[in-house]
Amino acid sequence: MNVAHEVNLLVEEIQRLGSKNADGKTTVKFGVLFNDDRCANIFEALVGTLKAAKKKKVIDFQGELLLQGVHDNVDIVLLQE
């Protein structure tokens, strides 16, 4: 899969699993995304896809890298719907 396609799939999954925050942007916790069965089947390297999407300014989250368990409560914010 190419990166652009995976980023588009990531946007769809964030929209499916997330909810609107006070600013009207869709957010989802990393743990919710990471532990979702559908996401596990779609993304071979979810963390890599998140990093690529952040670099393209499609999403934002605190820190450089998200790890399961440690960062489960980190919000991933969708910048482009």
N, C-alpha and C. Protein backbone atom coordinates (compact mmCIF):
# COMPACT_ATOMS: atom_id res chain seq x y z
N MET A 1 0.83 -1.19 0.00
CA MET A 1 0.00 0.00 0.00
C MET A 1 0.87 1.25 0.00
N ASN A 2 0.40 2.27 -0.70
CA ASN A 2 1.17 3.50 -0.67
C ASN A 2 0.77 4.36 0.53
N VAL A 3 1.62 5.28 0.89
CA VAL A 3 1.43 6.08 2.11
C VAL A 3 0.18 6.94 2.02
N ALA A 4 -0.04 7.58 0.88
CA ALA A 4 -1.22 8.44 0.74
C ALA A 4 -2.51 7.65 0.95
N HIS A 5 -2.56 6.44 0.42
CA HIS A 5 -3.74 5.59 0.58
C HIS A 5 -3.93 5.21 2.05
N GLU A 6 -2.85 4.84 2.73
CA GLU A 6 -2.94 4.48 4.14
C GLU A 6 -3.37 5.66 5.00
N VAL A 7 -2.88 6.86 4.67
CA VAL A 7 -3.28 8.06 5.41
C VAL A 7 -4.78 8.31 5.22
N ASN A 8 -5.28 8.12 3.99
CA ASN A 8 -6.72 8.28 3.75
C ASN A 8 -7.54 7.26 4.55
N LEU A 9 -7.06 6.03 4.61
CA LEU A 9 -7.74 5.02 5.42
C LEU A 9 -7.72 5.39 6.90
N LEU A 10 -6.61 5.95 7.35
CA LEU A 10 -6.48 6.38 8.74
C LEU A 10 -7.50 7.46 9.06
N VAL A 11 -7.67 8.42 8.15
CA VAL A 11 -8.67 9.48 8.34
C VAL A 11 -10.06 8.87 8.50
N GLU A 12 -10.40 7.90 7.66
CA GLU A 12 -11.71 7.23 7.74
C GLU A 12 -11.88 6.53 9.08
N GLU A 13 -10.85 5.88 9.57
CA GLU A 13 -10.94 5.15 10.83
C GLU A 13 -11.03 6.12 12.02
N ILE A 14 -10.33 7.23 11.97
CA ILE A 14 -10.44 8.23 13.03
C ILE A 14 -11.85 8.80 13.06
N GLN A 15 -12.42 9.04 11.88
CA GLN A 15 -13.80 9.54 11.81
C GLN A 15 -14.78 8.51 12.36
N ARG A 16 -14.53 7.23 12.09
CA ARG A 16 -15.42 6.16 12.56
C ARG A 16 -15.35 6.01 14.07
N LEU A 17 -14.16 6.05 14.63
CA LEU A 17 -13.96 5.76 16.06
C LEU A 17 -13.97 7.00 16.95
N GLY A 18 -13.73 8.17 16.37
CA GLY A 18 -13.54 9.38 17.16
C GLY A 18 -14.83 10.12 17.45
N SER A 19 -14.66 11.24 18.14
CA SER A 19 -15.76 12.14 18.44
C SER A 19 -15.25 13.57 18.34
N LYS A 20 -16.18 14.52 18.22
CA LYS A 20 -15.81 15.92 18.08
C LYS A 20 -15.37 16.50 19.42
N ASN A 21 -14.30 17.28 19.40
CA ASN A 21 -13.87 17.95 20.62
C ASN A 21 -14.51 19.34 20.69
N ALA A 22 -14.12 20.14 21.66
CA ALA A 22 -14.70 21.47 21.85
C ALA A 22 -14.46 22.39 20.65
N ASP A 23 -13.38 22.14 19.91
CA ASP A 23 -13.06 22.95 18.73
C ASP A 23 -13.75 22.44 17.47
N GLY A 24 -14.53 21.36 17.60
CA GLY A 24 -15.21 20.80 16.44
C GLY A 24 -14.35 19.86 15.61
N LYS A 25 -13.16 19.53 16.11
CA LYS A 25 -12.27 18.61 15.39
C LYS A 25 -12.48 17.19 15.93
N THR A 26 -12.36 16.22 15.06
CA THR A 26 -12.52 14.83 15.44
C THR A 26 -11.25 14.35 16.15
N THR A 27 -11.44 13.73 17.32
CA THR A 27 -10.31 13.18 18.07
C THR A 27 -10.60 11.75 18.46
N VAL A 28 -9.53 10.99 18.64
CA VAL A 28 -9.64 9.61 19.12
C VAL A 28 -8.40 9.33 19.97
N LYS A 29 -8.57 8.54 21.00
CA LYS A 29 -7.43 8.13 21.84
C LYS A 29 -6.61 7.10 21.07
N PHE A 30 -5.29 7.17 21.22
CA PHE A 30 -4.41 6.21 20.55
C PHE A 30 -4.77 4.77 20.91
N GLY A 31 -5.07 4.53 22.18
CA GLY A 31 -5.41 3.17 22.62
C GLY A 31 -6.64 2.62 21.92
N VAL A 32 -7.63 3.48 21.69
CA VAL A 32 -8.86 3.06 20.98
C VAL A 32 -8.51 2.65 19.56
N LEU A 33 -7.72 3.48 18.91
CA LEU A 33 -7.32 3.20 17.53
C LEU A 33 -6.46 1.94 17.46
N PHE A 34 -5.48 1.83 18.35
CA PHE A 34 -4.54 0.72 18.33
C PHE A 34 -5.24 -0.61 18.63
N ASN A 35 -6.20 -0.60 19.52
CA ASN A 35 -6.86 -1.84 19.95
C ASN A 35 -8.08 -2.22 19.12
N ASP A 36 -8.42 -1.42 18.13
CA ASP A 36 -9.57 -1.71 17.27
C ASP A 36 -9.21 -2.84 16.29
N ASP A 37 -10.07 -3.86 16.23
CA ASP A 37 -9.80 -5.01 15.36
C ASP A 37 -9.71 -4.63 13.89
N ARG A 38 -10.60 -3.75 13.45
CA ARG A 38 -10.60 -3.35 12.04
C ARG A 38 -9.29 -2.63 11.69
N CYS A 39 -8.84 -1.76 12.58
CA CYS A 39 -7.57 -1.05 12.34
C CYS A 39 -6.40 -2.03 12.33
N ALA A 40 -6.44 -3.01 13.21
CA ALA A 40 -5.37 -4.02 13.26
C ALA A 40 -5.27 -4.77 11.94
N ASN A 41 -6.42 -5.00 11.29
CA ASN A 41 -6.43 -5.71 10.01
C ASN A 41 -6.01 -4.82 8.84
N ILE A 42 -6.26 -3.52 8.96
CA ILE A 42 -5.95 -2.60 7.85
C ILE A 42 -4.48 -2.19 7.86
N PHE A 43 -3.98 -1.82 9.03
CA PHE A 43 -2.65 -1.20 9.11
C PHE A 43 -1.61 -2.18 9.62
N GLU A 44 -0.62 -2.46 8.78
CA GLU A 44 0.50 -3.30 9.21
C GLU A 44 1.36 -2.56 10.22
N ALA A 45 1.52 -1.26 9.99
CA ALA A 45 2.36 -0.44 10.86
C ALA A 45 1.61 0.84 11.20
N LEU A 46 0.67 0.74 12.14
CA LEU A 46 -0.16 1.88 12.51
C LEU A 46 0.68 3.07 12.96
N VAL A 47 1.70 2.82 13.77
CA VAL A 47 2.54 3.90 14.28
C VAL A 47 3.24 4.63 13.13
N GLY A 48 3.70 3.89 12.14
CA GLY A 48 4.33 4.49 10.97
C GLY A 48 3.35 5.33 10.17
N THR A 49 2.13 4.84 10.02
CA THR A 49 1.09 5.59 9.30
C THR A 49 0.74 6.87 10.06
N LEU A 50 0.65 6.77 11.40
CA LEU A 50 0.38 7.97 12.21
C LEU A 50 1.49 9.00 12.04
N LYS A 51 2.73 8.54 12.05
CA LYS A 51 3.87 9.44 11.90
C LYS A 51 3.84 10.13 10.53
N ALA A 52 3.54 9.37 9.49
CA ALA A 52 3.45 9.94 8.13
C ALA A 52 2.31 10.95 8.03
N ALA A 53 1.17 10.63 8.65
CA ALA A 53 0.02 11.54 8.62
C ALA A 53 0.33 12.83 9.39
N LYS A 54 1.06 12.71 10.48
CA LYS A 54 1.45 13.89 11.25
C LYS A 54 2.40 14.76 10.44
N LYS A 55 3.33 14.13 9.75
CA LYS A 55 4.29 14.86 8.91
C LYS A 55 3.57 15.63 7.80
N LYS A 56 2.48 15.04 7.27
CA LYS A 56 1.69 15.67 6.21
C LYS A 56 0.67 16.66 6.77
N LYS A 57 0.67 16.84 8.10
CA LYS A 57 -0.23 17.74 8.80
C LYS A 57 -1.71 17.38 8.62
N VAL A 58 -1.98 16.08 8.53
CA VAL A 58 -3.35 15.57 8.45
C VAL A 58 -3.89 15.36 9.87
N ILE A 59 -3.00 14.94 10.78
CA ILE A 59 -3.35 14.73 12.18
C ILE A 59 -2.31 15.42 13.06
N ASP A 60 -2.62 15.49 14.35
CA ASP A 60 -1.64 15.99 15.31
C ASP A 60 -1.79 15.20 16.60
N PHE A 61 -0.69 15.02 17.29
CA PHE A 61 -0.68 14.41 18.62
C PHE A 61 0.59 14.87 19.32
N GLN A 62 0.58 14.79 20.65
CA GLN A 62 1.75 15.21 21.42
C GLN A 62 2.83 14.15 21.32
N GLY A 63 4.06 14.60 21.18
CA GLY A 63 5.20 13.69 21.10
C GLY A 63 5.53 13.32 19.67
N GLU A 64 6.59 12.57 19.53
CA GLU A 64 7.06 12.14 18.22
C GLU A 64 6.56 10.74 17.85
N LEU A 65 6.45 9.88 18.86
CA LEU A 65 6.14 8.48 18.64
C LEU A 65 5.17 8.00 19.70
N LEU A 66 4.18 7.22 19.29
CA LEU A 66 3.20 6.68 20.23
C LEU A 66 3.43 5.19 20.42
N LEU A 67 3.43 4.76 21.67
CA LEU A 67 3.64 3.35 22.01
C LEU A 67 2.43 2.81 22.76
N GLN A 68 2.06 1.57 22.44
CA GLN A 68 0.93 0.93 23.10
C GLN A 68 1.16 0.88 24.60
N GLY A 69 0.09 1.14 25.35
CA GLY A 69 0.17 1.10 26.80
C GLY A 69 0.59 2.44 27.37
N VAL A 70 1.79 2.86 27.04
CA VAL A 70 2.33 4.13 27.56
C VAL A 70 1.52 5.32 27.08
N HIS A 71 1.10 5.31 25.82
CA HIS A 71 0.44 6.46 25.21
C HIS A 71 -1.03 6.20 24.86
N ASP A 72 -1.67 5.23 25.49
CA ASP A 72 -3.06 4.89 25.16
C ASP A 72 -4.02 6.07 25.32
N ASN A 73 -3.73 6.99 26.24
CA ASN A 73 -4.65 8.12 26.49
C ASN A 73 -4.28 9.39 25.74
N VAL A 74 -3.34 9.30 24.81
CA VAL A 74 -2.97 10.46 24.00
C VAL A 74 -4.02 10.68 22.92
N ASP A 75 -4.48 11.94 22.81
CA ASP A 75 -5.47 12.29 21.78
C ASP A 75 -4.79 12.46 20.43
N ILE A 76 -5.40 11.85 19.42
CA ILE A 76 -5.00 12.07 18.04
C ILE A 76 -6.07 12.97 17.43
N VAL A 77 -5.68 14.13 16.96
CA VAL A 77 -6.62 15.13 16.45
C VAL A 77 -6.55 15.16 14.94
N LEU A 78 -7.71 15.05 14.31
CA LEU A 78 -7.79 15.11 12.85
C LEU A 78 -7.83 16.57 12.44
N LEU A 79 -6.84 17.01 11.69
CA LEU A 79 -6.74 18.41 11.25
C LEU A 79 -7.45 18.64 9.93
N GLN A 80 -7.54 17.60 9.12
CA GLN A 80 -8.22 17.69 7.81
C GLN A 80 -9.30 16.62 7.76
N GLU A 81 -10.55 17.05 7.67
CA GLU A 81 -11.67 16.09 7.62
C GLU A 81 -11.80 15.47 6.25
